[in-house]
Amino acid sequence: MTVSDDVVKWIVEEGYDINYGARPLKRTIQDEIETRVSRSIVADEIRKKDCFEIVINKDNELEIKKFKKDTSVNAAIQQNNEGKDNSN
């Protein structure tokens, strides 16, 4: 699993609270990433050895982007980065 830089920024923005500092970050990660990944595993959308990335979609929501099963993590990251370069 990889997490895009946009997701890290989104988590910080959503999870930081001026009164409680960074404490709510854990809850945001649990609610938004762990729950989403767990549900995808239970639904058999993510399987053992699958490569996937958590990204922000065009509706500014978190989304799981799965890569081909035969790609290694490094190849999947490179494939994703190439896709970002072509979209600009």
C-alpha atoms as a PDB file:
ATOM      1  CA  MET A   1       0.000   0.000   0.000  1.00  0.00           C
ATOM      2  CA  THR A   2       1.203   3.472  -0.798  1.00  0.00           C
ATOM      3  CA  VAL A   3      -0.360   6.785   0.071  1.00  0.00           C
ATOM      4  CA  SER A   4      -0.107   9.774  -2.249  1.00  0.00           C
ATOM      5  CA  ASP A   5       1.258  13.093  -1.010  1.00  0.00           C
ATOM      6  CA  ASP A   6      -2.186  14.626  -1.573  1.00  0.00           C
ATOM      7  CA  VAL A   7      -3.681  12.105   0.860  1.00  0.00           C
ATOM      8  CA  VAL A   8      -1.105  12.941   3.526  1.00  0.00           C
ATOM      9  CA  LYS A   9      -1.985  16.625   3.148  1.00  0.00           C
ATOM     10  CA  TRP A  10      -5.717  15.809   3.246  1.00  0.00           C
ATOM     11  CA  ILE A  11      -5.290  13.731   6.429  1.00  0.00           C
ATOM     12  CA  VAL A  12      -3.395  16.540   8.144  1.00  0.00           C
ATOM     13  CA  GLU A  13      -6.041  19.083   7.143  1.00  0.00           C
ATOM     14  CA  GLU A  14      -8.934  16.836   8.201  1.00  0.00           C
ATOM     15  CA  GLY A  15      -7.319  15.400  11.332  1.00  0.00           C
ATOM     16  CA  TYR A  16      -5.667  18.411  12.925  1.00  0.00           C
ATOM     17  CA  ASP A  17      -7.626  20.256  15.573  1.00  0.00           C
ATOM     18  CA  ILE A  18      -6.429  23.530  17.092  1.00  0.00           C
ATOM     19  CA  ASN A  19      -7.649  22.452  20.547  1.00  0.00           C
ATOM     20  CA  TYR A  20      -6.362  18.881  20.511  1.00  0.00           C
ATOM     21  CA  GLY A  21      -3.359  19.184  18.201  1.00  0.00           C
ATOM     22  CA  ALA A  22      -2.409  16.047  16.304  1.00  0.00           C
ATOM     23  CA  ARG A  23      -4.364  13.602  18.497  1.00  0.00           C
ATOM     24  CA  PRO A  24      -7.330  13.449  16.089  1.00  0.00           C
ATOM     25  CA  LEU A  25      -4.958  12.352  13.288  1.00  0.00           C
ATOM     26  CA  LYS A  26      -5.066   8.770  14.549  1.00  0.00           C
ATOM     27  CA  ARG A  27      -8.854   8.758  14.429  1.00  0.00           C
ATOM     28  CA  THR A  28      -8.847  10.237  10.911  1.00  0.00           C
ATOM     29  CA  ILE A  29      -6.417   7.561   9.703  1.00  0.00           C
ATOM     30  CA  GLN A  30      -8.517   4.835  11.329  1.00  0.00           C
ATOM     31  CA  ASP A  31     -11.807   6.156   9.983  1.00  0.00           C
ATOM     32  CA  GLU A  32     -10.677   7.074   6.499  1.00  0.00           C
ATOM     33  CA  ILE A  33      -7.930   4.587   5.610  1.00  0.00           C
ATOM     34  CA  GLU A  34      -8.050   1.533   7.875  1.00  0.00           C
ATOM     35  CA  THR A  35     -11.824   1.185   7.588  1.00  0.00           C
ATOM     36  CA  ARG A  36     -11.791   1.668   3.816  1.00  0.00           C
ATOM     37  CA  VAL A  37      -9.002  -0.894   3.315  1.00  0.00           C
ATOM     38  CA  SER A  38     -10.637  -3.368   5.727  1.00  0.00           C
ATOM     39  CA  ARG A  39     -13.960  -3.155   3.898  1.00  0.00           C
ATOM     40  CA  SER A  40     -12.201  -3.706   0.573  1.00  0.00           C
ATOM     41  CA  ILE A  41     -10.499  -6.812   1.960  1.00  0.00           C
ATOM     42  CA  VAL A  42     -13.771  -8.213   3.319  1.00  0.00           C
ATOM     43  CA  ALA A  43     -15.465  -7.483  -0.023  1.00  0.00           C
ATOM     44  CA  ASP A  44     -12.615  -9.390  -1.743  1.00  0.00           C
ATOM     45  CA  GLU A  45     -11.673  -6.267  -3.719  1.00  0.00           C
ATOM     46  CA  ILE A  46      -8.148  -6.385  -2.290  1.00  0.00           C
ATOM     47  CA  ARG A  47      -6.361  -9.710  -2.051  1.00  0.00           C
ATOM     48  CA  LYS A  48      -3.058 -10.987  -0.750  1.00  0.00           C
ATOM     49  CA  LYS A  49      -0.119  -9.475  -2.666  1.00  0.00           C
ATOM     50  CA  ASP A  50      -2.282  -6.839  -4.385  1.00  0.00           C
ATOM     51  CA  CYS A  51      -0.631  -3.465  -4.813  1.00  0.00           C
ATOM     52  CA  PHE A  52      -2.753  -0.402  -4.249  1.00  0.00           C
ATOM     53  CA  GLU A  53      -2.528   3.262  -3.445  1.00  0.00           C
ATOM     54  CA  ILE A  54      -4.798   5.554  -1.498  1.00  0.00           C
ATOM     55  CA  VAL A  55      -5.447   8.661  -3.613  1.00  0.00           C
ATOM     56  CA  ILE A  56      -7.735  11.689  -3.677  1.00  0.00           C
ATOM     57  CA  ASN A  57     -10.286  11.532  -6.497  1.00  0.00           C
ATOM     58  CA  LYS A  58     -11.732  14.481  -8.394  1.00  0.00           C
ATOM     59  CA  ASP A  59     -14.526  14.810  -5.805  1.00  0.00           C
ATOM     60  CA  ASN A  60     -11.856  15.356  -3.098  1.00  0.00           C
ATOM     61  CA  GLU A  61     -12.617  11.968  -1.535  1.00  0.00           C
ATOM     62  CA  LEU A  62     -10.247   9.126  -0.668  1.00  0.00           C
ATOM     63  CA  GLU A  63     -10.176   6.260  -3.115  1.00  0.00           C
ATOM     64  CA  ILE A  64      -8.312   2.977  -3.407  1.00  0.00           C
ATOM     65  CA  LYS A  65      -6.498   2.624  -6.717  1.00  0.00           C
ATOM     66  CA  LYS A  66      -5.449  -0.968  -7.346  1.00  0.00           C
ATOM     67  CA  PHE A  67      -2.545  -1.914  -9.601  1.00  0.00           C
ATOM     68  CA  LYS A  68      -2.136  -5.019 -11.717  1.00  0.00           C
ATOM     69  CA  LYS A  69      -1.402  -8.101  -9.627  1.00  0.00           C
ATOM     70  CA  ASP A  70       1.821  -8.878 -11.443  1.00  0.00           C
ATOM     71  CA  THR A  71       3.409  -5.489 -10.763  1.00  0.00           C
ATOM     72  CA  SER A  72       5.832  -5.022  -7.919  1.00  0.00           C
ATOM     73  CA  VAL A  73       5.342  -2.165  -5.498  1.00  0.00           C
ATOM     74  CA  ASN A  74       8.163  -0.161  -7.074  1.00  0.00           C
ATOM     75  CA  ALA A  75       6.781  -0.731 -10.565  1.00  0.00           C
ATOM     76  CA  ALA A  76       3.303   0.259  -9.353  1.00  0.00           C
ATOM     77  CA  ILE A  77       4.641   3.487  -7.876  1.00  0.00           C
ATOM     78  CA  GLN A  78       6.518   4.237 -11.083  1.00  0.00           C
ATOM     79  CA  GLN A  79       3.409   3.434 -13.137  1.00  0.00           C
ATOM     80  CA  ASN A  80       1.368   5.831 -11.014  1.00  0.00           C
ATOM     81  CA  ASN A  81       3.977   8.592 -11.246  1.00  0.00           C
ATOM     82  CA  GLU A  82       4.104   8.230 -15.018  1.00  0.00           C
ATOM     83  CA  GLY A  83       0.321   8.587 -15.109  1.00  0.00           C
ATOM     84  CA  LYS A  84       0.566  11.816 -13.124  1.00  0.00           C
ATOM     85  CA  ASP A  85       3.166  13.197 -15.548  1.00  0.00           C
ATOM     86  CA  ASN A  86       0.935  12.453 -18.526  1.00  0.00           C
ATOM     87  CA  SER A  87      -2.141  14.046 -16.958  1.00  0.00           C
ATOM     88  CA  ASN A  88      -0.574  17.516 -16.678  1.00  0.00           C
END
